[in-house]
All heavy atoms as atom14 arrays in JSON, in Angstrom:
{
  "sequence": "FGDYIDEVLAAARRDELTDAHARVIETAERELFTRAIQQAQG",
  "atom14_mask": [
    [1, 1, 1, 1, 1, 1, 1, 1, 1, 1, 1, 0, 0, 0],
    [1, 1, 1, 1, 0, 0, 0, 0, 0, 0, 0, 0, 0, 0],
    [1, 1, 1, 1, 1, 1, 1, 1, 0, 0, 0, 0, 0, 0],
    [1, 1, 1, 1, 1, 1, 1, 1, 1, 1, 1, 1, 0, 0],
    [1, 1, 1, 1, 1, 1, 1, 1, 0, 0, 0, 0, 0, 0],
    [1, 1, 1, 1, 1, 1, 1, 1, 0, 0, 0, 0, 0, 0],
    [1, 1, 1, 1, 1, 1, 1, 1, 1, 0, 0, 0, 0, 0],
    [1, 1, 1, 1, 1, 1, 1, 0, 0, 0, 0, 0, 0, 0],
    [1, 1, 1, 1, 1, 1, 1, 1, 0, 0, 0, 0, 0, 0],
    [1, 1, 1, 1, 1, 0, 0, 0, 0, 0, 0, 0, 0, 0],
    [1, 1, 1, 1, 1, 0, 0, 0, 0, 0, 0, 0, 0, 0],
    [1, 1, 1, 1, 1, 0, 0, 0, 0, 0, 0, 0, 0, 0],
    [1, 1, 1, 1, 1, 1, 1, 1, 1, 1, 1, 0, 0, 0],
    [1, 1, 1, 1, 1, 1, 1, 1, 1, 1, 1, 0, 0, 0],
    [1, 1, 1, 1, 1, 1, 1, 1, 0, 0, 0, 0, 0, 0],
    [1, 1, 1, 1, 1, 1, 1, 1, 1, 0, 0, 0, 0, 0],
    [1, 1, 1, 1, 1, 1, 1, 1, 0, 0, 0, 0, 0, 0],
    [1, 1, 1, 1, 1, 1, 1, 0, 0, 0, 0, 0, 0, 0],
    [1, 1, 1, 1, 1, 1, 1, 1, 0, 0, 0, 0, 0, 0],
    [1, 1, 1, 1, 1, 0, 0, 0, 0, 0, 0, 0, 0, 0],
    [1, 1, 1, 1, 1, 1, 1, 1, 1, 1, 0, 0, 0, 0],
    [1, 1, 1, 1, 1, 0, 0, 0, 0, 0, 0, 0, 0, 0],
    [1, 1, 1, 1, 1, 1, 1, 1, 1, 1, 1, 0, 0, 0],
    [1, 1, 1, 1, 1, 1, 1, 0, 0, 0, 0, 0, 0, 0],
    [1, 1, 1, 1, 1, 1, 1, 1, 0, 0, 0, 0, 0, 0],
    [1, 1, 1, 1, 1, 1, 1, 1, 1, 0, 0, 0, 0, 0],
    [1, 1, 1, 1, 1, 1, 1, 0, 0, 0, 0, 0, 0, 0],
    [1, 1, 1, 1, 1, 0, 0, 0, 0, 0, 0, 0, 0, 0],
    [1, 1, 1, 1, 1, 1, 1, 1, 1, 0, 0, 0, 0, 0],
    [1, 1, 1, 1, 1, 1, 1, 1, 1, 1, 1, 0, 0, 0],
    [1, 1, 1, 1, 1, 1, 1, 1, 1, 0, 0, 0, 0, 0],
    [1, 1, 1, 1, 1, 1, 1, 1, 0, 0, 0, 0, 0, 0],
    [1, 1, 1, 1, 1, 1, 1, 1, 1, 1, 1, 0, 0, 0],
    [1, 1, 1, 1, 1, 1, 1, 0, 0, 0, 0, 0, 0, 0],
    [1, 1, 1, 1, 1, 1, 1, 1, 1, 1, 1, 0, 0, 0],
    [1, 1, 1, 1, 1, 0, 0, 0, 0, 0, 0, 0, 0, 0],
    [1, 1, 1, 1, 1, 1, 1, 1, 0, 0, 0, 0, 0, 0],
    [1, 1, 1, 1, 1, 1, 1, 1, 1, 0, 0, 0, 0, 0],
    [1, 1, 1, 1, 1, 1, 1, 1, 1, 0, 0, 0, 0, 0],
    [1, 1, 1, 1, 1, 0, 0, 0, 0, 0, 0, 0, 0, 0],
    [1, 1, 1, 1, 1, 1, 1, 1, 1, 0, 0, 0, 0, 0],
    [1, 1, 1, 1, 0, 0, 0, 0, 0, 0, 0, 0, 0, 0]
  ],
  "atom14_positions": [
    [[0.79, -1.16, -0.01], [-0.07, 0.02, 0.04], [0.84, 1.21, 0.0], [0.51, 2.27, -0.71], [-0.92, -0.09, 1.18], [-2.08, 0.92, 1.14], [-3.04, 0.81, 0.05], [-2.19, 1.91, 2.02], [-4.06, 1.74, -0.07], [-3.28, 2.91, 1.94], [-4.22, 2.69, 0.94], [0.0, 0.0, 0.0], [0.0, 0.0, 0.0], [0.0, 0.0, 0.0]],
    [[2.02, 1.17, 0.61], [2.99, 2.25, 0.66], [3.34, 2.67, -0.59], [3.52, 3.81, -1.12], [0.0, 0.0, 0.0], [0.0, 0.0, 0.0], [0.0, 0.0, 0.0], [0.0, 0.0, 0.0], [0.0, 0.0, 0.0], [0.0, 0.0, 0.0], [0.0, 0.0, 0.0], [0.0, 0.0, 0.0], [0.0, 0.0, 0.0], [0.0, 0.0, 0.0]],
    [[3.69, 1.67, -1.61], [3.99, 1.97, -2.93], [2.92, 2.76, -3.69], [3.22, 3.59, -4.48], [4.28, 0.64, -3.72], [5.64, 0.01, -3.22], [6.37, 0.66, -2.48], [5.8, -1.23, -3.57], [0.0, 0.0, 0.0], [0.0, 0.0, 0.0], [0.0, 0.0, 0.0], [0.0, 0.0, 0.0], [0.0, 0.0, 0.0], [0.0, 0.0, 0.0]],
    [[1.62, 2.29, -3.48], [0.57, 2.89, -4.15], [0.58, 4.45, -3.66], [0.31, 5.37, -4.49], [-0.69, 2.14, -3.74], [-1.95, 3.02, -4.11], [-2.36, 3.15, -5.45], [-2.78, 3.52, -3.17], [-3.42, 3.95, -5.78], [-3.99, 4.29, -3.41], [-4.28, 4.43, -4.85], [-5.44, 5.16, -5.21], [0.0, 0.0, 0.0], [0.0, 0.0, 0.0]],
    [[0.59, 4.69, -2.37], [0.71, 6.04, -1.79], [1.76, 6.9, -2.49], [1.46, 8.04, -2.85], [0.69, 6.02, -0.33], [-0.67, 5.51, 0.33], [0.94, 7.41, 0.31], [-0.57, 5.16, 1.74], [0.0, 0.0, 0.0], [0.0, 0.0, 0.0], [0.0, 0.0, 0.0], [0.0, 0.0, 0.0], [0.0, 0.0, 0.0], [0.0, 0.0, 0.0]],
    [[2.87, 6.21, -2.48], [3.96, 7.0, -3.29], [3.72, 7.31, -4.63], [3.93, 8.41, -5.08], [5.31, 6.15, -3.29], [5.87, 5.97, -1.86], [5.65, 6.81, -0.94], [6.71, 5.06, -1.65], [0.0, 0.0, 0.0], [0.0, 0.0, 0.0], [0.0, 0.0, 0.0], [0.0, 0.0, 0.0], [0.0, 0.0, 0.0], [0.0, 0.0, 0.0]],
    [[2.98, 6.43, -5.46], [2.59, 6.83, -6.83], [1.62, 7.96, -6.78], [1.61, 8.89, -7.65], [2.06, 5.55, -7.42], [3.15, 4.62, -7.85], [2.72, 3.38, -8.55], [1.55, 3.56, -9.07], [3.38, 2.39, -8.53], [0.0, 0.0, 0.0], [0.0, 0.0, 0.0], [0.0, 0.0, 0.0], [0.0, 0.0, 0.0], [0.0, 0.0, 0.0]],
    [[0.57, 7.91, -5.87], [-0.4, 8.9, -5.89], [0.32, 10.3, -5.56], [-0.11, 11.27, -6.22], [-1.51, 8.58, -4.92], [-2.45, 9.7, -4.62], [-2.29, 7.39, -5.34], [0.0, 0.0, 0.0], [0.0, 0.0, 0.0], [0.0, 0.0, 0.0], [0.0, 0.0, 0.0], [0.0, 0.0, 0.0], [0.0, 0.0, 0.0], [0.0, 0.0, 0.0]],
    [[1.04, 10.26, -4.47], [1.89, 11.41, -4.21], [2.68, 12.03, -5.31], [2.74, 13.26, -5.59], [2.63, 11.31, -2.89], [1.78, 11.21, -1.61], [2.7, 10.78, -0.54], [0.92, 12.45, -1.41], [0.0, 0.0, 0.0], [0.0, 0.0, 0.0], [0.0, 0.0, 0.0], [0.0, 0.0, 0.0], [0.0, 0.0, 0.0], [0.0, 0.0, 0.0]],
    [[3.32, 11.13, -6.05], [4.24, 11.62, -7.23], [3.32, 12.16, -8.22], [3.74, 13.27, -8.81], [4.93, 10.31, -7.66], [0.0, 0.0, 0.0], [0.0, 0.0, 0.0], [0.0, 0.0, 0.0], [0.0, 0.0, 0.0], [0.0, 0.0, 0.0], [0.0, 0.0, 0.0], [0.0, 0.0, 0.0], [0.0, 0.0, 0.0], [0.0, 0.0, 0.0]],
    [[2.2, 11.58, -8.46], [1.27, 12.22, -9.46], [0.8, 13.6, -9.01], [0.69, 14.49, -9.79], [0.0, 11.3, -9.74], [0.0, 0.0, 0.0], [0.0, 0.0, 0.0], [0.0, 0.0, 0.0], [0.0, 0.0, 0.0], [0.0, 0.0, 0.0], [0.0, 0.0, 0.0], [0.0, 0.0, 0.0], [0.0, 0.0, 0.0], [0.0, 0.0, 0.0]],
    [[0.53, 13.76, -7.77], [0.05, 14.95, -7.28], [1.21, 16.0, -7.42], [1.02, 17.23, -7.73], [-0.26, 14.86, -5.74], [0.0, 0.0, 0.0], [0.0, 0.0, 0.0], [0.0, 0.0, 0.0], [0.0, 0.0, 0.0], [0.0, 0.0, 0.0], [0.0, 0.0, 0.0], [0.0, 0.0, 0.0], [0.0, 0.0, 0.0], [0.0, 0.0, 0.0]],
    [[2.53, 15.56, -7.06], [3.74, 16.58, -7.37], [3.8, 16.96, -8.84], [4.28, 18.12, -9.0], [4.96, 15.83, -6.76], [5.09, 15.81, -5.36], [6.55, 15.37, -4.95], [7.04, 14.35, -5.64], [6.95, 12.99, -5.23], [6.32, 12.68, -4.12], [7.53, 12.02, -6.05], [0.0, 0.0, 0.0], [0.0, 0.0, 0.0], [0.0, 0.0, 0.0]],
    [[3.34, 16.04, -9.74], [3.54, 16.46, -11.13], [2.24, 17.21, -11.48], [2.09, 17.39, -12.66], [3.6, 15.14, -12.01], [4.92, 14.46, -11.79], [5.07, 13.29, -12.65], [3.99, 12.28, -12.72], [3.94, 11.24, -11.94], [5.01, 10.87, -11.27], [2.95, 10.39, -12.01], [0.0, 0.0, 0.0], [0.0, 0.0, 0.0], [0.0, 0.0, 0.0]],
    [[1.37, 17.54, -10.53], [0.09, 18.3, -10.84], [-0.78, 17.4, -11.76], [-1.65, 18.02, -12.53], [0.39, 19.62, -11.55], [1.02, 20.63, -10.44], [0.61, 20.48, -9.2], [1.78, 21.45, -10.9], [0.0, 0.0, 0.0], [0.0, 0.0, 0.0], [0.0, 0.0, 0.0], [0.0, 0.0, 0.0], [0.0, 0.0, 0.0], [0.0, 0.0, 0.0]],
    [[-0.72, 16.07, -11.71], [-1.56, 15.35, -12.39], [-2.89, 14.97, -11.71], [-3.9, 14.47, -12.41], [-0.88, 14.02, -12.92], [0.15, 14.15, -13.85], [1.06, 12.87, -14.02], [0.72, 11.8, -13.5], [2.08, 12.98, -14.79], [0.0, 0.0, 0.0], [0.0, 0.0, 0.0], [0.0, 0.0, 0.0], [0.0, 0.0, 0.0], [0.0, 0.0, 0.0]],
    [[-2.95, 15.2, -10.43], [-4.13, 15.08, -9.68], [-4.05, 15.99, -8.44], [-3.02, 16.41, -8.03], [-4.34, 13.68, -9.17], [-3.42, 12.96, -8.27], [-3.96, 13.07, -6.91], [-3.45, 11.48, -8.69], [0.0, 0.0, 0.0], [0.0, 0.0, 0.0], [0.0, 0.0, 0.0], [0.0, 0.0, 0.0], [0.0, 0.0, 0.0], [0.0, 0.0, 0.0]],
    [[-5.23, 16.42, -8.06], [-5.28, 17.36, -6.86], [-5.95, 16.84, -5.79], [-6.2, 17.44, -4.73], [-6.01, 18.69, -7.33], [-7.33, 18.29, -7.83], [-5.34, 19.26, -8.5], [0.0, 0.0, 0.0], [0.0, 0.0, 0.0], [0.0, 0.0, 0.0], [0.0, 0.0, 0.0], [0.0, 0.0, 0.0], [0.0, 0.0, 0.0], [0.0, 0.0, 0.0]],
    [[-6.32, 15.68, -5.7], [-7.18, 14.99, -4.76], [-6.58, 13.77, -4.19], [-7.2, 12.69, -4.0], [-8.59, 14.58, -5.21], [-8.65, 13.67, -6.31], [-7.52, 13.44, -6.99], [-9.75, 13.2, -6.77], [0.0, 0.0, 0.0], [0.0, 0.0, 0.0], [0.0, 0.0, 0.0], [0.0, 0.0, 0.0], [0.0, 0.0, 0.0], [0.0, 0.0, 0.0]],
    [[-5.26, 13.79, -3.76], [-4.45, 12.65, -3.36], [-5.05, 11.87, -2.22], [-5.29, 10.77, -2.12], [-3.03, 13.0, -3.07], [0.0, 0.0, 0.0], [0.0, 0.0, 0.0], [0.0, 0.0, 0.0], [0.0, 0.0, 0.0], [0.0, 0.0, 0.0], [0.0, 0.0, 0.0], [0.0, 0.0, 0.0], [0.0, 0.0, 0.0], [0.0, 0.0, 0.0]],
    [[-5.61, 12.7, -1.22], [-6.17, 12.13, -0.09], [-7.5, 11.4, -0.35], [-7.56, 10.26, 0.07], [-6.51, 13.34, 0.92], [-7.04, 12.89, 2.24], [-8.57, 12.93, 2.39], [-6.7, 12.32, 3.38], [-8.82, 12.49, 3.45], [-7.75, 12.11, 4.21], [0.0, 0.0, 0.0], [0.0, 0.0, 0.0], [0.0, 0.0, 0.0], [0.0, 0.0, 0.0]],
    [[-8.21, 12.05, -1.08], [-9.53, 11.3, -1.42], [-9.33, 10.13, -2.22], [-10.03, 9.09, -2.13], [-10.46, 12.32, -2.29], [0.0, 0.0, 0.0], [0.0, 0.0, 0.0], [0.0, 0.0, 0.0], [0.0, 0.0, 0.0], [0.0, 0.0, 0.0], [0.0, 0.0, 0.0], [0.0, 0.0, 0.0], [0.0, 0.0, 0.0], [0.0, 0.0, 0.0]],
    [[-8.38, 10.06, -3.17], [-7.9, 8.95, -4.01], [-7.55, 7.75, -2.98], [-8.08, 6.61, -3.2], [-6.9, 9.16, -4.92], [-7.29, 10.16, -5.98], [-7.88, 9.5, -7.25], [-8.24, 10.55, -8.25], [-7.78, 10.51, -9.43], [-6.96, 9.52, -9.86], [-8.17, 11.45, -10.3], [0.0, 0.0, 0.0], [0.0, 0.0, 0.0], [0.0, 0.0, 0.0]],
    [[-6.58, 8.15, -2.19], [-6.09, 6.98, -1.25], [-7.18, 6.41, -0.39], [-7.33, 5.21, -0.18], [-4.98, 7.5, -0.49], [-4.47, 6.56, 0.62], [-3.72, 7.85, -1.4], [0.0, 0.0, 0.0], [0.0, 0.0, 0.0], [0.0, 0.0, 0.0], [0.0, 0.0, 0.0], [0.0, 0.0, 0.0], [0.0, 0.0, 0.0], [0.0, 0.0, 0.0]],
    [[-7.96, 7.38, 0.26], [-9.0, 6.9, 1.12], [-10.05, 6.02, 0.28], [-10.49, 4.98, 0.82], [-9.69, 8.18, 1.74], [-8.78, 8.9, 2.73], [-11.01, 7.74, 2.59], [-8.24, 8.14, 3.82], [0.0, 0.0, 0.0], [0.0, 0.0, 0.0], [0.0, 0.0, 0.0], [0.0, 0.0, 0.0], [0.0, 0.0, 0.0], [0.0, 0.0, 0.0]],
    [[-10.42, 6.49, -0.81], [-11.53, 5.74, -1.56], [-11.06, 4.44, -1.91], [-11.67, 3.28, -1.82], [-11.87, 6.51, -2.87], [-12.9, 5.69, -3.73], [-13.33, 6.41, -4.92], [-13.07, 7.51, -5.08], [-14.1, 5.75, -5.86], [0.0, 0.0, 0.0], [0.0, 0.0, 0.0], [0.0, 0.0, 0.0], [0.0, 0.0, 0.0], [0.0, 0.0, 0.0]],
    [[-9.66, 4.31, -2.42], [-9.07, 2.97, -2.69], [-8.9, 1.97, -1.52], [-9.29, 0.84, -1.57], [-7.63, 3.21, -3.27], [-7.69, 3.97, -4.37], [-6.95, 1.88, -3.68], [0.0, 0.0, 0.0], [0.0, 0.0, 0.0], [0.0, 0.0, 0.0], [0.0, 0.0, 0.0], [0.0, 0.0, 0.0], [0.0, 0.0, 0.0], [0.0, 0.0, 0.0]],
    [[-8.6, 2.61, -0.28], [-8.55, 1.79, 0.82], [-9.97, 1.37, 1.24], [-10.2, 0.24, 1.65], [-7.93, 2.59, 2.02], [0.0, 0.0, 0.0], [0.0, 0.0, 0.0], [0.0, 0.0, 0.0], [0.0, 0.0, 0.0], [0.0, 0.0, 0.0], [0.0, 0.0, 0.0], [0.0, 0.0, 0.0], [0.0, 0.0, 0.0], [0.0, 0.0, 0.0]],
    [[-10.98, 2.17, 1.18], [-12.26, 1.83, 1.6], [-12.83, 0.87, 0.59], [-13.48, -0.15, 1.05], [-13.16, 3.04, 1.47], [-13.24, 3.87, 2.84], [-14.39, 4.92, 2.85], [-14.74, 5.36, 1.75], [-14.85, 5.09, 3.92], [0.0, 0.0, 0.0], [0.0, 0.0, 0.0], [0.0, 0.0, 0.0], [0.0, 0.0, 0.0], [0.0, 0.0, 0.0]],
    [[-12.62, 1.07, -0.69], [-13.09, 0.08, -1.64], [-12.55, -1.33, -1.39], [-13.24, -2.3, -1.41], [-12.79, 0.49, -3.07], [-13.23, -0.56, -4.13], [-12.99, 0.0, -5.42], [-13.84, 1.02, -5.93], [-13.36, 2.23, -6.2], [-11.99, 2.38, -6.25], [-14.12, 3.25, -6.64], [0.0, 0.0, 0.0], [0.0, 0.0, 0.0], [0.0, 0.0, 0.0]],
    [[-11.23, -1.43, -1.11], [-10.6, -2.6, -0.84], [-11.17, -3.3, 0.51], [-11.43, -4.59, 0.57], [-9.08, -2.52, -0.74], [-8.37, -3.75, -0.67], [-8.48, -4.75, -1.86], [-8.76, -4.24, -3.12], [-8.24, -5.96, -1.77], [0.0, 0.0, 0.0], [0.0, 0.0, 0.0], [0.0, 0.0, 0.0], [0.0, 0.0, 0.0], [0.0, 0.0, 0.0]],
    [[-11.29, -2.43, 1.51], [-11.76, -2.83, 2.8], [-13.27, -3.5, 2.7], [-13.55, -4.51, 3.1], [-11.85, -1.76, 3.81], [-12.34, -2.09, 5.22], [-11.59, -3.16, 5.78], [-12.36, -0.82, 6.06], [0.0, 0.0, 0.0], [0.0, 0.0, 0.0], [0.0, 0.0, 0.0], [0.0, 0.0, 0.0], [0.0, 0.0, 0.0], [0.0, 0.0, 0.0]],
    [[-14.15, -2.74, 2.01], [-15.42, -3.27, 1.7], [-15.68, -4.34, 0.93], [-16.35, -5.32, 1.1], [-16.37, -1.98, 1.42], [-16.79, -1.1, 2.48], [-15.83, -0.05, 2.84], [-17.91, -1.3, 3.17], [-16.21, 0.89, 3.9], [-18.26, -0.35, 4.24], [-17.35, 0.67, 4.59], [0.0, 0.0, 0.0], [0.0, 0.0, 0.0], [0.0, 0.0, 0.0]],
    [[-14.84, -4.34, -0.23], [-14.81, -5.57, -1.05], [-14.47, -6.85, -0.23], [-15.12, -7.83, -0.41], [-13.81, -5.35, -2.1], [-14.2, -4.29, -2.89], [-13.71, -6.65, -3.08], [0.0, 0.0, 0.0], [0.0, 0.0, 0.0], [0.0, 0.0, 0.0], [0.0, 0.0, 0.0], [0.0, 0.0, 0.0], [0.0, 0.0, 0.0], [0.0, 0.0, 0.0]],
    [[-13.36, -6.78, 0.48], [-12.81, -8.08, 1.25], [-13.88, -8.34, 2.44], [-14.16, -9.45, 2.63], [-11.48, -7.77, 1.71], [-10.58, -7.75, 0.64], [-9.12, -7.44, 1.09], [-8.22, -7.45, 0.04], [-7.22, -8.35, -0.15], [-6.97, -9.34, 0.72], [-6.37, -8.27, -1.22], [0.0, 0.0, 0.0], [0.0, 0.0, 0.0], [0.0, 0.0, 0.0]],
    [[-14.42, -7.39, 2.98], [-15.38, -7.68, 4.14], [-16.51, -8.4, 3.67], [-16.99, -9.38, 4.28], [-15.67, -6.31, 4.87], [0.0, 0.0, 0.0], [0.0, 0.0, 0.0], [0.0, 0.0, 0.0], [0.0, 0.0, 0.0], [0.0, 0.0, 0.0], [0.0, 0.0, 0.0], [0.0, 0.0, 0.0], [0.0, 0.0, 0.0], [0.0, 0.0, 0.0]],
    [[-17.2, -7.86, 2.5], [-18.37, -8.48, 2.05], [-18.04, -9.97, 1.35], [-18.9, -10.79, 1.55], [-19.06, -7.63, 1.07], [-20.53, -8.01, 0.95], [-18.51, -7.52, -0.32], [-21.42, -7.77, 2.16], [0.0, 0.0, 0.0], [0.0, 0.0, 0.0], [0.0, 0.0, 0.0], [0.0, 0.0, 0.0], [0.0, 0.0, 0.0], [0.0, 0.0, 0.0]],
    [[-17.0, -10.06, 0.84], [-16.44, -11.36, 0.37], [-16.36, -12.37, 1.57], [-16.87, -13.4, 1.52], [-15.15, -11.15, -0.43], [-15.37, -10.7, -1.83], [-14.08, -10.41, -2.49], [-13.04, -10.53, -1.84], [-14.22, -10.14, -3.78], [0.0, 0.0, 0.0], [0.0, 0.0, 0.0], [0.0, 0.0, 0.0], [0.0, 0.0, 0.0], [0.0, 0.0, 0.0]],
    [[-15.59, -11.95, 2.6], [-15.31, -12.9, 3.69], [-16.64, -13.13, 4.51], [-16.74, -14.28, 5.11], [-14.28, -12.18, 4.62], [-12.93, -12.21, 3.88], [-11.77, -11.77, 4.64], [-11.99, -11.63, 5.95], [-10.73, -11.34, 4.08], [0.0, 0.0, 0.0], [0.0, 0.0, 0.0], [0.0, 0.0, 0.0], [0.0, 0.0, 0.0], [0.0, 0.0, 0.0]],
    [[-17.57, -12.22, 4.35], [-18.83, -12.48, 5.13], [-19.83, -13.18, 4.26], [-20.97, -13.33, 4.61], [-19.49, -11.06, 5.61], [0.0, 0.0, 0.0], [0.0, 0.0, 0.0], [0.0, 0.0, 0.0], [0.0, 0.0, 0.0], [0.0, 0.0, 0.0], [0.0, 0.0, 0.0], [0.0, 0.0, 0.0], [0.0, 0.0, 0.0], [0.0, 0.0, 0.0]],
    [[-19.39, -13.57, 3.1], [-20.14, -14.31, 2.08], [-21.37, -13.58, 1.71], [-22.51, -14.2, 1.58], [-20.51, -15.68, 2.58], [-19.12, -16.53, 2.73], [-19.34, -17.89, 3.41], [-20.34, -18.16, 4.16], [-18.58, -18.8, 3.0], [0.0, 0.0, 0.0], [0.0, 0.0, 0.0], [0.0, 0.0, 0.0], [0.0, 0.0, 0.0], [0.0, 0.0, 0.0]],
    [[-21.41, -12.39, 1.59], [-22.49, -11.54, 1.08], [-23.42, -10.98, 2.35], [-24.35, -10.29, 2.07], [0.0, 0.0, 0.0], [0.0, 0.0, 0.0], [0.0, 0.0, 0.0], [0.0, 0.0, 0.0], [0.0, 0.0, 0.0], [0.0, 0.0, 0.0], [0.0, 0.0, 0.0], [0.0, 0.0, 0.0], [0.0, 0.0, 0.0], [0.0, 0.0, 0.0]]
  ]
}
């Protein structure tokens, strides 16, 4: 996950995105909810 954060921050430094925080949070939440619902078998 740290590598992913480094890439998002690098993109922000290059002015390719302005919402690094929102991107990381959304990605983490999506993964968390995906795995939780899978492990809970729906």
